[in-house]
Amino acid sequence: MTMRALREEQVEAERVLLATQSALEADSELLTAAEQAAIAGLMQDVRDAIAGSDDQSLEASARQNALHEATRALTHGTEEFAARRMDKSVRSALAGKSLDEI
């Protein structure tokens, strides 16, 4: 059961990485260079944790926990970026419309 949980954590980490990369490709202009570098560092931490999750010298639960924490840190570290993207999307959807049209 522990190996299954580890594999599920790996899949979730990969999903978060792909979503983050896609968001950066679409809207990186919403971030400063320092913010982009911070997110890139968090993404690398997740990649390292994914690679380390195959390390058989560590207990599976320890590998799972490390991967979970790295993924959680990336998710937390991109919350402001996600909020900016949402704001941009809402502004775009409402551009040129009056209150009566909404």
PDB file of N, CA and C in Angstrom:
ATOM      1  N   MET A   1       0.817  -1.194   0.000  1.00  0.00           N
ATOM      2  CA  MET A   1       0.000   0.000   0.000  1.00  0.00           C
ATOM      3  C   MET A   1       0.867   1.267   0.000  1.00  0.00           C
ATOM      4  N   THR A   2       1.998   1.207   0.679  1.00  0.00           N
ATOM      5  CA  THR A   2       2.885   2.369   0.749  1.00  0.00           C
ATOM      6  C   THR A   2       3.433   2.720  -0.628  1.00  0.00           C
ATOM      7  N   MET A   3       3.755   1.735  -1.420  1.00  0.00           N
ATOM      8  CA  MET A   3       4.278   1.986  -2.763  1.00  0.00           C
ATOM      9  C   MET A   3       3.202   2.635  -3.639  1.00  0.00           C
ATOM     10  N   ARG A   4       1.968   2.252  -3.447  1.00  0.00           N
ATOM     11  CA  ARG A   4       0.884   2.865  -4.211  1.00  0.00           C
ATOM     12  C   ARG A   4       0.751   4.340  -3.837  1.00  0.00           C
ATOM     13  N   ALA A   5       0.813   4.647  -2.561  1.00  0.00           N
ATOM     14  CA  ALA A   5       0.722   6.033  -2.105  1.00  0.00           C
ATOM     15  C   ALA A   5       1.882   6.850  -2.668  1.00  0.00           C
ATOM     16  N   LEU A   6       3.056   6.253  -2.707  1.00  0.00           N
ATOM     17  CA  LEU A   6       4.226   6.925  -3.274  1.00  0.00           C
ATOM     18  C   LEU A   6       3.987   7.217  -4.753  1.00  0.00           C
ATOM     19  N   ARG A   7       3.499   6.246  -5.470  1.00  0.00           N
ATOM     20  CA  ARG A   7       3.244   6.430  -6.913  1.00  0.00           C
ATOM     21  C   ARG A   7       2.184   7.511  -7.130  1.00  0.00           C
ATOM     22  N   GLU A   8       1.149   7.535  -6.304  1.00  0.00           N
ATOM     23  CA  GLU A   8       0.122   8.566  -6.421  1.00  0.00           C
ATOM     24  C   GLU A   8       0.730   9.950  -6.166  1.00  0.00           C
ATOM     25  N   GLU A   9       1.636  10.029  -5.222  1.00  0.00           N
ATOM     26  CA  GLU A   9       2.311  11.297  -4.917  1.00  0.00           C
ATOM     27  C   GLU A   9       3.182  11.729  -6.102  1.00  0.00           C
ATOM     28  N   GLN A  10       3.829  10.769  -6.754  1.00  0.00           N
ATOM     29  CA  GLN A  10       4.643  11.080  -7.931  1.00  0.00           C
ATOM     30  C   GLN A  10       3.773  11.637  -9.057  1.00  0.00           C
ATOM     31  N   VAL A  11       2.637  11.017  -9.277  1.00  0.00           N
ATOM     32  CA  VAL A  11       1.724  11.469 -10.335  1.00  0.00           C
ATOM     33  C   VAL A  11       1.216  12.878 -10.026  1.00  0.00           C
ATOM     34  N   GLU A  12       0.855  13.126  -8.777  1.00  0.00           N
ATOM     35  CA  GLU A  12       0.379  14.459  -8.381  1.00  0.00           C
ATOM     36  C   GLU A  12       1.486  15.500  -8.558  1.00  0.00           C
ATOM     37  N   ALA A  13       2.697  15.165  -8.183  1.00  0.00           N
ATOM     38  CA  ALA A  13       3.828  16.086  -8.337  1.00  0.00           C
ATOM     39  C   ALA A  13       4.052  16.416  -9.809  1.00  0.00           C
ATOM     40  N   GLU A  14       3.986  15.426 -10.649  1.00  0.00           N
ATOM     41  CA  GLU A  14       4.159  15.653 -12.083  1.00  0.00           C
ATOM     42  C   GLU A  14       3.035  16.515 -12.644  1.00  0.00           C
ATOM     43  N   ARG A  15       1.820  16.301 -12.154  1.00  0.00           N
ATOM     44  CA  ARG A  15       0.673  17.112 -12.588  1.00  0.00           C
ATOM     45  C   ARG A  15       0.876  18.571 -12.204  1.00  0.00           C
ATOM     46  N   VAL A  16       1.314  18.809 -10.972  1.00  0.00           N
ATOM     47  CA  VAL A  16       1.541  20.177 -10.502  1.00  0.00           C
ATOM     48  C   VAL A  16       2.670  20.827 -11.302  1.00  0.00           C
ATOM     49  N   LEU A  17       3.718  20.084 -11.587  1.00  0.00           N
ATOM     50  CA  LEU A  17       4.813  20.624 -12.411  1.00  0.00           C
ATOM     51  C   LEU A  17       4.322  21.029 -13.802  1.00  0.00           C
ATOM     52  N   LEU A  18       3.557  20.159 -14.430  1.00  0.00           N
ATOM     53  CA  LEU A  18       3.048  20.455 -15.770  1.00  0.00           C
ATOM     54  C   LEU A  18       2.125  21.668 -15.759  1.00  0.00           C
ATOM     55  N   ALA A  19       1.259  21.756 -14.767  1.00  0.00           N
ATOM     56  CA  ALA A  19       0.343  22.897 -14.669  1.00  0.00           C
ATOM     57  C   ALA A  19       1.112  24.189 -14.439  1.00  0.00           C
ATOM     58  N   THR A  20       2.120  24.133 -13.592  1.00  0.00           N
ATOM     59  CA  THR A  20       2.924  25.321 -13.319  1.00  0.00           C
ATOM     60  C   THR A  20       3.688  25.750 -14.565  1.00  0.00           C
ATOM     61  N   GLN A  21       4.287  24.797 -15.260  1.00  0.00           N
ATOM     62  CA  GLN A  21       5.028  25.118 -16.482  1.00  0.00           C
ATOM     63  C   GLN A  21       4.108  25.746 -17.522  1.00  0.00           C
ATOM     64  N   SER A  22       2.931  25.192 -17.670  1.00  0.00           N
ATOM     65  CA  SER A  22       1.964  25.726 -18.618  1.00  0.00           C
ATOM     66  C   SER A  22       1.569  27.156 -18.255  1.00  0.00           C
ATOM     67  N   ALA A  23       1.337  27.395 -16.979  1.00  0.00           N
ATOM     68  CA  ALA A  23       0.968  28.739 -16.510  1.00  0.00           C
ATOM     69  C   ALA A  23       2.106  29.721 -16.764  1.00  0.00           C
ATOM     70  N   LEU A  24       3.331  29.293 -16.515  1.00  0.00           N
ATOM     71  CA  LEU A  24       4.476  30.171 -16.761  1.00  0.00           C
ATOM     72  C   LEU A  24       4.619  30.507 -18.241  1.00  0.00           C
ATOM     73  N   GLU A  25       4.402  29.531 -19.086  1.00  0.00           N
ATOM     74  CA  GLU A  25       4.496  29.775 -20.526  1.00  0.00           C
ATOM     75  C   GLU A  25       3.429  30.762 -20.995  1.00  0.00           C
ATOM     76  N   ALA A  26       2.267  30.720 -20.377  1.00  0.00           N
ATOM     77  CA  ALA A  26       1.163  31.583 -20.783  1.00  0.00           C
ATOM     78  C   ALA A  26       1.243  32.982 -20.184  1.00  0.00           C
ATOM     79  N   ASP A  27       1.702  33.094 -18.946  1.00  0.00           N
ATOM     80  CA  ASP A  27       1.575  34.360 -18.233  1.00  0.00           C
ATOM     81  C   ASP A  27       2.794  34.763 -17.420  1.00  0.00           C
ATOM     82  N   SER A  28       3.961  34.432 -17.866  1.00  0.00           N
ATOM     83  CA  SER A  28       5.156  34.756 -17.089  1.00  0.00           C
ATOM     84  C   SER A  28       5.344  36.258 -16.911  1.00  0.00           C
ATOM     85  N   GLU A  29       4.732  37.058 -17.785  1.00  0.00           N
ATOM     86  CA  GLU A  29       4.864  38.510 -17.668  1.00  0.00           C
ATOM     87  C   GLU A  29       4.223  39.065 -16.396  1.00  0.00           C
ATOM     88  N   LEU A  30       3.435  38.261 -15.717  1.00  0.00           N
ATOM     89  CA  LEU A  30       2.811  38.687 -14.465  1.00  0.00           C
ATOM     90  C   LEU A  30       3.771  38.593 -13.279  1.00  0.00           C
ATOM     91  N   LEU A  31       4.947  38.041 -13.506  1.00  0.00           N
ATOM     92  CA  LEU A  31       5.918  37.828 -12.432  1.00  0.00           C
ATOM     93  C   LEU A  31       7.176  38.657 -12.649  1.00  0.00           C
ATOM     94  N   THR A  32       7.790  39.032 -11.552  1.00  0.00           N
ATOM     95  CA  THR A  32       9.104  39.671 -11.636  1.00  0.00           C
ATOM     96  C   THR A  32      10.135  38.575 -11.898  1.00  0.00           C
ATOM     97  N   ALA A  33      11.327  38.984 -12.245  1.00  0.00           N
ATOM     98  CA  ALA A  33      12.401  38.010 -12.471  1.00  0.00           C
ATOM     99  C   ALA A  33      12.689  37.233 -11.193  1.00  0.00           C
ATOM    100  N   ALA A  34      12.648  37.909 -10.052  1.00  0.00           N
ATOM    101  CA  ALA A  34      12.896  37.236  -8.772  1.00  0.00           C
ATOM    102  C   ALA A  34      11.805  36.204  -8.471  1.00  0.00           C
ATOM    103  N   GLU A  35      10.564  36.554  -8.774  1.00  0.00           N
ATOM    104  CA  GLU A  35       9.466  35.604  -8.548  1.00  0.00           C
ATOM    105  C   GLU A  35       9.589  34.409  -9.476  1.00  0.00           C
ATOM    106  N   GLN A  36       9.967  34.662 -10.721  1.00  0.00           N
ATOM    107  CA  GLN A  36      10.168  33.554 -11.658  1.00  0.00           C
ATOM    108  C   GLN A  36      11.286  32.640 -11.183  1.00  0.00           C
ATOM    109  N   ALA A  37      12.351  33.227 -10.668  1.00  0.00           N
ATOM    110  CA  ALA A  37      13.475  32.427 -10.166  1.00  0.00           C
ATOM    111  C   ALA A  37      13.056  31.604  -8.952  1.00  0.00           C
ATOM    112  N   ALA A  38      12.258  32.191  -8.075  1.00  0.00           N
ATOM    113  CA  ALA A  38      11.790  31.462  -6.894  1.00  0.00           C
ATOM    114  C   ALA A  38      10.925  30.274  -7.295  1.00  0.00           C
ATOM    115  N   ILE A  39      10.034  30.491  -8.247  1.00  0.00           N
ATOM    116  CA  ILE A  39       9.175  29.398  -8.715  1.00  0.00           C
ATOM    117  C   ILE A  39      10.012  28.327  -9.413  1.00  0.00           C
ATOM    118  N   ALA A  40      10.984  28.748 -10.203  1.00  0.00           N
ATOM    119  CA  ALA A  40      11.869  27.782 -10.867  1.00  0.00           C
ATOM    120  C   ALA A  40      12.607  26.937  -9.837  1.00  0.00           C
ATOM    121  N   GLY A  41      13.022  27.548  -8.743  1.00  0.00           N
ATOM    122  CA  GLY A  41      13.688  26.803  -7.676  1.00  0.00           C
ATOM    123  C   GLY A  41      12.765  25.795  -7.026  1.00  0.00           C
ATOM    124  N   LEU A  42      11.521  26.196  -6.792  1.00  0.00           N
ATOM    125  CA  LEU A  42      10.539  25.272  -6.206  1.00  0.00           C
ATOM    126  C   LEU A  42      10.240  24.122  -7.163  1.00  0.00           C
ATOM    127  N   MET A  43      10.176  24.435  -8.442  1.00  0.00           N
ATOM    128  CA  MET A  43       9.945  23.386  -9.436  1.00  0.00           C
ATOM    129  C   MET A  43      11.114  22.403  -9.451  1.00  0.00           C
ATOM    130  N   GLN A  44      12.328  22.914  -9.337  1.00  0.00           N
ATOM    131  CA  GLN A  44      13.497  22.033  -9.306  1.00  0.00           C
ATOM    132  C   GLN A  44      13.471  21.156  -8.062  1.00  0.00           C
ATOM    133  N   ASP A  45      13.027  21.713  -6.945  1.00  0.00           N
ATOM    134  CA  ASP A  45      12.906  20.915  -5.718  1.00  0.00           C
ATOM    135  C   ASP A  45      11.951  19.736  -5.929  1.00  0.00           C
ATOM    136  N   VAL A  46      10.850  19.994  -6.641  1.00  0.00           N
ATOM    137  CA  VAL A  46       9.892  18.912  -6.920  1.00  0.00           C
ATOM    138  C   VAL A  46      10.531  17.880  -7.848  1.00  0.00           C
ATOM    139  N   ARG A  47      11.225  18.352  -8.878  1.00  0.00           N
ATOM    140  CA  ARG A  47      11.906  17.409  -9.787  1.00  0.00           C
ATOM    141  C   ARG A  47      12.915  16.551  -9.027  1.00  0.00           C
ATOM    142  N   ASP A  48      13.663  17.198  -8.129  1.00  0.00           N
ATOM    143  CA  ASP A  48      14.635  16.453  -7.322  1.00  0.00           C
ATOM    144  C   ASP A  48      13.939  15.437  -6.429  1.00  0.00           C
ATOM    145  N   ALA A  49      12.802  15.826  -5.867  1.00  0.00           N
ATOM    146  CA  ALA A  49      12.058  14.905  -4.998  1.00  0.00           C
ATOM    147  C   ALA A  49      11.486  13.736  -5.802  1.00  0.00           C
ATOM    148  N   ILE A  50      11.055  14.010  -7.025  1.00  0.00           N
ATOM    149  CA  ILE A  50      10.574  12.928  -7.894  1.00  0.00           C
ATOM    150  C   ILE A  50      11.720  11.957  -8.168  1.00  0.00           C
ATOM    151  N   ALA A  51      12.873  12.497  -8.517  1.00  0.00           N
ATOM    152  CA  ALA A  51      14.037  11.638  -8.779  1.00  0.00           C
ATOM    153  C   ALA A  51      14.424  10.868  -7.522  1.00  0.00           C
ATOM    154  N   GLY A  52      14.377  11.513  -6.372  1.00  0.00           N
ATOM    155  CA  GLY A  52      14.715  10.864  -5.108  1.00  0.00           C
ATOM    156  C   GLY A  52      13.693   9.840  -4.658  1.00  0.00           C
ATOM    157  N   SER A  53      12.490   9.952  -5.214  1.00  0.00           N
ATOM    158  CA  SER A  53      11.453   9.000  -4.803  1.00  0.00           C
ATOM    159  C   SER A  53      11.742   7.597  -5.332  1.00  0.00           C
ATOM    160  N   ASP A  54      12.699   7.483  -6.249  1.00  0.00           N
ATOM    161  CA  ASP A  54      13.118   6.172  -6.751  1.00  0.00           C
ATOM    162  C   ASP A  54      14.303   5.605  -5.974  1.00  0.00           C
ATOM    163  N   ASP A  55      14.801   6.376  -5.013  1.00  0.00           N
ATOM    164  CA  ASP A  55      15.958   5.962  -4.208  1.00  0.00           C
ATOM    165  C   ASP A  55      15.549   4.840  -3.252  1.00  0.00           C
ATOM    166  N   GLN A  56      15.968   3.647  -3.554  1.00  0.00           N
ATOM    167  CA  GLN A  56      15.563   2.468  -2.780  1.00  0.00           C
ATOM    168  C   GLN A  56      16.219   2.409  -1.405  1.00  0.00           C
ATOM    169  N   SER A  57      17.225   3.256  -1.160  1.00  0.00           N
ATOM    170  CA  SER A  57      17.887   3.222   0.143  1.00  0.00           C
ATOM    171  C   SER A  57      17.043   3.908   1.226  1.00  0.00           C
ATOM    172  N   LEU A  58      16.038   4.663   0.808  1.00  0.00           N
ATOM    173  CA  LEU A  58      15.148   5.325   1.756  1.00  0.00           C
ATOM    174  C   LEU A  58      13.832   4.568   1.847  1.00  0.00           C
ATOM    175  N   GLU A  59      13.214   4.651   2.984  1.00  0.00           N
ATOM    176  CA  GLU A  59      11.903   4.035   3.192  1.00  0.00           C
ATOM    177  C   GLU A  59      10.882   4.731   2.294  1.00  0.00           C
ATOM    178  N   ALA A  60       9.940   3.975   1.763  1.00  0.00           N
ATOM    179  CA  ALA A  60       8.945   4.526   0.838  1.00  0.00           C
ATOM    180  C   ALA A  60       8.151   5.660   1.471  1.00  0.00           C
ATOM    181  N   SER A  61       7.824   5.541   2.732  1.00  0.00           N
ATOM    182  CA  SER A  61       7.051   6.609   3.370  1.00  0.00           C
ATOM    183  C   SER A  61       7.870   7.889   3.493  1.00  0.00           C
ATOM    184  N   ALA A  62       9.174   7.772   3.688  1.00  0.00           N
ATOM    185  CA  ALA A  62      10.039   8.951   3.753  1.00  0.00           C
ATOM    186  C   ALA A  62      10.125   9.613   2.375  1.00  0.00           C
ATOM    187  N   ARG A  63      10.214   8.809   1.334  1.00  0.00           N
ATOM    188  CA  ARG A  63      10.256   9.343  -0.030  1.00  0.00           C
ATOM    189  C   ARG A  63       8.941  10.038  -0.360  1.00  0.00           C
ATOM    190  N   GLN A  64       7.835   9.414   0.060  1.00  0.00           N
ATOM    191  CA  GLN A  64       6.520   9.996  -0.177  1.00  0.00           C
ATOM    192  C   GLN A  64       6.383  11.330   0.557  1.00  0.00           C
ATOM    193  N   ASN A  65       6.818  11.381   1.809  1.00  0.00           N
ATOM    194  CA  ASN A  65       6.720  12.618   2.586  1.00  0.00           C
ATOM    195  C   ASN A  65       7.555  13.730   1.969  1.00  0.00           C
ATOM    196  N   ALA A  66       8.764  13.415   1.526  1.00  0.00           N
ATOM    197  CA  ALA A  66       9.618  14.422   0.904  1.00  0.00           C
ATOM    198  C   ALA A  66       8.979  14.964  -0.372  1.00  0.00           C
ATOM    199  N   LEU A  67       8.404  14.080  -1.150  1.00  0.00           N
ATOM    200  CA  LEU A  67       7.748  14.482  -2.388  1.00  0.00           C
ATOM    201  C   LEU A  67       6.512  15.329  -2.096  1.00  0.00           C
ATOM    202  N   HIS A  68       5.761  14.914  -1.106  1.00  0.00           N
ATOM    203  CA  HIS A  68       4.557  15.660  -0.715  1.00  0.00           C
ATOM    204  C   HIS A  68       4.922  17.077  -0.271  1.00  0.00           C
ATOM    205  N   GLU A  69       5.944  17.202   0.541  1.00  0.00           N
ATOM    206  CA  GLU A  69       6.353  18.516   1.047  1.00  0.00           C
ATOM    207  C   GLU A  69       6.865  19.413  -0.072  1.00  0.00           C
ATOM    208  N   ALA A  70       7.613  18.867  -1.004  1.00  0.00           N
ATOM    209  CA  ALA A  70       8.112  19.658  -2.128  1.00  0.00           C
ATOM    210  C   ALA A  70       6.960  20.136  -3.005  1.00  0.00           C
ATOM    211  N   THR A  71       5.996  19.264  -3.243  1.00  0.00           N
ATOM    212  CA  THR A  71       4.827  19.626  -4.045  1.00  0.00           C
ATOM    213  C   THR A  71       4.001  20.678  -3.330  1.00  0.00           C
ATOM    214  N   ARG A  72       3.833  20.508  -2.038  1.00  0.00           N
ATOM    215  CA  ARG A  72       3.076  21.474  -1.231  1.00  0.00           C
ATOM    216  C   ARG A  72       3.760  22.846  -1.256  1.00  0.00           C
ATOM    217  N   ALA A  73       5.069  22.863  -1.162  1.00  0.00           N
ATOM    218  CA  ALA A  73       5.804  24.125  -1.201  1.00  0.00           C
ATOM    219  C   ALA A  73       5.621  24.825  -2.549  1.00  0.00           C
ATOM    220  N   LEU A  74       5.648  24.066  -3.640  1.00  0.00           N
ATOM    221  CA  LEU A  74       5.428  24.649  -4.959  1.00  0.00           C
ATOM    222  C   LEU A  74       4.011  25.203  -5.066  1.00  0.00           C
ATOM    223  N   THR A  75       3.051  24.451  -4.615  1.00  0.00           N
ATOM    224  CA  THR A  75       1.661  24.910  -4.657  1.00  0.00           C
ATOM    225  C   THR A  75       1.499  26.200  -3.860  1.00  0.00           C
ATOM    226  N   HIS A  76       2.058  26.222  -2.674  1.00  0.00           N
ATOM    227  CA  HIS A  76       1.971  27.419  -1.833  1.00  0.00           C
ATOM    228  C   HIS A  76       2.734  28.585  -2.470  1.00  0.00           C
ATOM    229  N   GLY A  77       3.866  28.304  -3.055  1.00  0.00           N
ATOM    230  CA  GLY A  77       4.705  29.335  -3.656  1.00  0.00           C
ATOM    231  C   GLY A  77       4.139  29.936  -4.929  1.00  0.00           C
ATOM    232  N   THR A  78       3.137  29.309  -5.506  1.00  0.00           N
ATOM    233  CA  THR A  78       2.526  29.828  -6.731  1.00  0.00           C
ATOM    234  C   THR A  78       1.123  30.381  -6.516  1.00  0.00           C
ATOM    235  N   GLU A  79       0.685  30.464  -5.276  1.00  0.00           N
ATOM    236  CA  GLU A  79      -0.675  30.959  -4.999  1.00  0.00           C
ATOM    237  C   GLU A  79      -0.871  32.394  -5.483  1.00  0.00           C
ATOM    238  N   GLU A  80       0.088  33.260  -5.228  1.00  0.00           N
ATOM    239  CA  GLU A  80      -0.016  34.660  -5.663  1.00  0.00           C
ATOM    240  C   GLU A  80      -0.050  34.742  -7.192  1.00  0.00           C
ATOM    241  N   PHE A  81       0.762  33.944  -7.847  1.00  0.00           N
ATOM    242  CA  PHE A  81       0.764  33.892  -9.305  1.00  0.00           C
ATOM    243  C   PHE A  81      -0.599  33.442  -9.822  1.00  0.00           C
ATOM    244  N   ALA A  82      -1.168  32.438  -9.205  1.00  0.00           N
ATOM    245  CA  ALA A  82      -2.496  31.954  -9.605  1.00  0.00           C
ATOM    246  C   ALA A  82      -3.543  33.049  -9.427  1.00  0.00           C
ATOM    247  N   ALA A  83      -3.442  33.801  -8.345  1.00  0.00           N
ATOM    248  CA  ALA A  83      -4.387  34.897  -8.104  1.00  0.00           C
ATOM    249  C   ALA A  83      -4.248  35.972  -9.187  1.00  0.00           C
ATOM    250  N   ARG A  84      -3.030  36.292  -9.555  1.00  0.00           N
ATOM    251  CA  ARG A  84      -2.806  37.280 -10.616  1.00  0.00           C
ATOM    252  C   ARG A  84      -3.373  36.798 -11.947  1.00  0.00           C
ATOM    253  N   ARG A  85      -3.197  35.515 -12.219  1.00  0.00           N
ATOM    254  CA  ARG A  85      -3.739  34.954 -13.461  1.00  0.00           C
ATOM    255  C   ARG A  85      -5.264  35.019 -13.460  1.00  0.00           C
ATOM    256  N   MET A  86      -5.873  34.740 -12.325  1.00  0.00           N
ATOM    257  CA  MET A  86      -7.327  34.806 -12.219  1.00  0.00           C
ATOM    258  C   MET A  86      -7.805  36.245 -12.419  1.00  0.00           C
ATOM    259  N   ASP A  87      -7.127  37.194 -11.783  1.00  0.00           N
ATOM    260  CA  ASP A  87      -7.486  38.599 -11.948  1.00  0.00           C
ATOM    261  C   ASP A  87      -7.390  39.015 -13.410  1.00  0.00           C
ATOM    262  N   LYS A  88      -6.329  38.600 -14.067  1.00  0.00           N
ATOM    263  CA  LYS A  88      -6.138  38.918 -15.484  1.00  0.00           C
ATOM    264  C   LYS A  88      -7.284  38.345 -16.316  1.00  0.00           C
ATOM    265  N   SER A  89      -7.663  37.127 -16.023  1.00  0.00           N
ATOM    266  CA  SER A  89      -8.738  36.468 -16.753  1.00  0.00           C
ATOM    267  C   SER A  89     -10.076  37.182 -16.545  1.00  0.00           C
ATOM    268  N   VAL A  90     -10.353  37.570 -15.323  1.00  0.00           N
ATOM    269  CA  VAL A  90     -11.607  38.269 -15.022  1.00  0.00           C
ATOM    270  C   VAL A  90     -11.615  39.630 -15.713  1.00  0.00           C
ATOM    271  N   ARG A  91     -10.495  40.362 -15.625  1.00  0.00           N
ATOM    272  CA  ARG A  91     -10.420  41.669 -16.298  1.00  0.00           C
ATOM    273  C   ARG A  91     -10.647  41.521 -17.798  1.00  0.00           C
ATOM    274  N   SER A  92     -10.073  40.508 -18.367  1.00  0.00           N
ATOM    275  CA  SER A  92     -10.231  40.275 -19.799  1.00  0.00           C
ATOM    276  C   SER A  92     -11.682  39.952 -20.151  1.00  0.00           C
ATOM    277  N   ALA A  93     -12.320  39.156 -19.333  1.00  0.00           N
ATOM    278  CA  ALA A  93     -13.707  38.766 -19.591  1.00  0.00           C
ATOM    279  C   ALA A  93     -14.662  39.942 -19.449  1.00  0.00           C
ATOM    280  N   LEU A  94     -14.321  40.871 -18.572  1.00  0.00           N
ATOM    281  CA  LEU A  94     -15.217  41.998 -18.306  1.00  0.00           C
ATOM    282  C   LEU A  94     -14.862  43.256 -19.096  1.00  0.00           C
ATOM    283  N   ALA A  95     -13.787  43.223 -19.815  1.00  0.00           N
ATOM    284  CA  ALA A  95     -13.336  44.413 -20.548  1.00  0.00           C
ATOM    285  C   ALA A  95     -14.397  44.899 -21.537  1.00  0.00           C
ATOM    286  N   GLY A  96     -14.701  46.181 -21.454  1.00  0.00           N
ATOM    287  CA  GLY A  96     -15.643  46.786 -22.396  1.00  0.00           C
ATOM    288  C   GLY A  96     -17.095  46.495 -22.126  1.00  0.00           C
ATOM    289  N   LYS A  97     -17.432  45.935 -20.987  1.00  0.00           N
ATOM    290  CA  LYS A  97     -18.825  45.617 -20.680  1.00  0.00           C
ATOM    291  C   LYS A  97     -19.328  46.536 -19.579  1.00  0.00           C
ATOM    292  N   SER A  98     -20.578  46.911 -19.686  1.00  0.00           N
ATOM    293  CA  SER A  98     -21.179  47.722 -18.640  1.00  0.00           C
ATOM    294  C   SER A  98     -21.760  46.816 -17.567  1.00  0.00           C
ATOM    295  N   LEU A  99     -22.099  47.405 -16.434  1.00  0.00           N
ATOM    296  CA  LEU A  99     -22.705  46.621 -15.356  1.00  0.00           C
ATOM    297  C   LEU A  99     -24.005  45.968 -15.777  1.00  0.00           C
ATOM    298  N   ASP A 100     -24.748  46.632 -16.652  1.00  0.00           N
ATOM    299  CA  ASP A 100     -26.010  46.061 -17.124  1.00  0.00           C
ATOM    300  C   ASP A 100     -25.799  44.796 -17.953  1.00  0.00           C
ATOM    301  N   GLU A 101     -24.664  44.714 -18.614  1.00  0.00           N
ATOM    302  CA  GLU A 101     -24.373  43.540 -19.432  1.00  0.00           C
ATOM    303  C   GLU A 101     -23.905  42.347 -18.609  1.00  0.00           C
ATOM    304  N   ILE A 102     -23.445  42.628 -17.394  1.00  0.00           N
ATOM    305  CA  ILE A 102     -22.935  41.562 -16.542  1.00  0.00           C
ATOM    306  C   ILE A 102     -24.062  40.978 -15.807  1.00  0.00           C
TER     307      ILE A 102
END
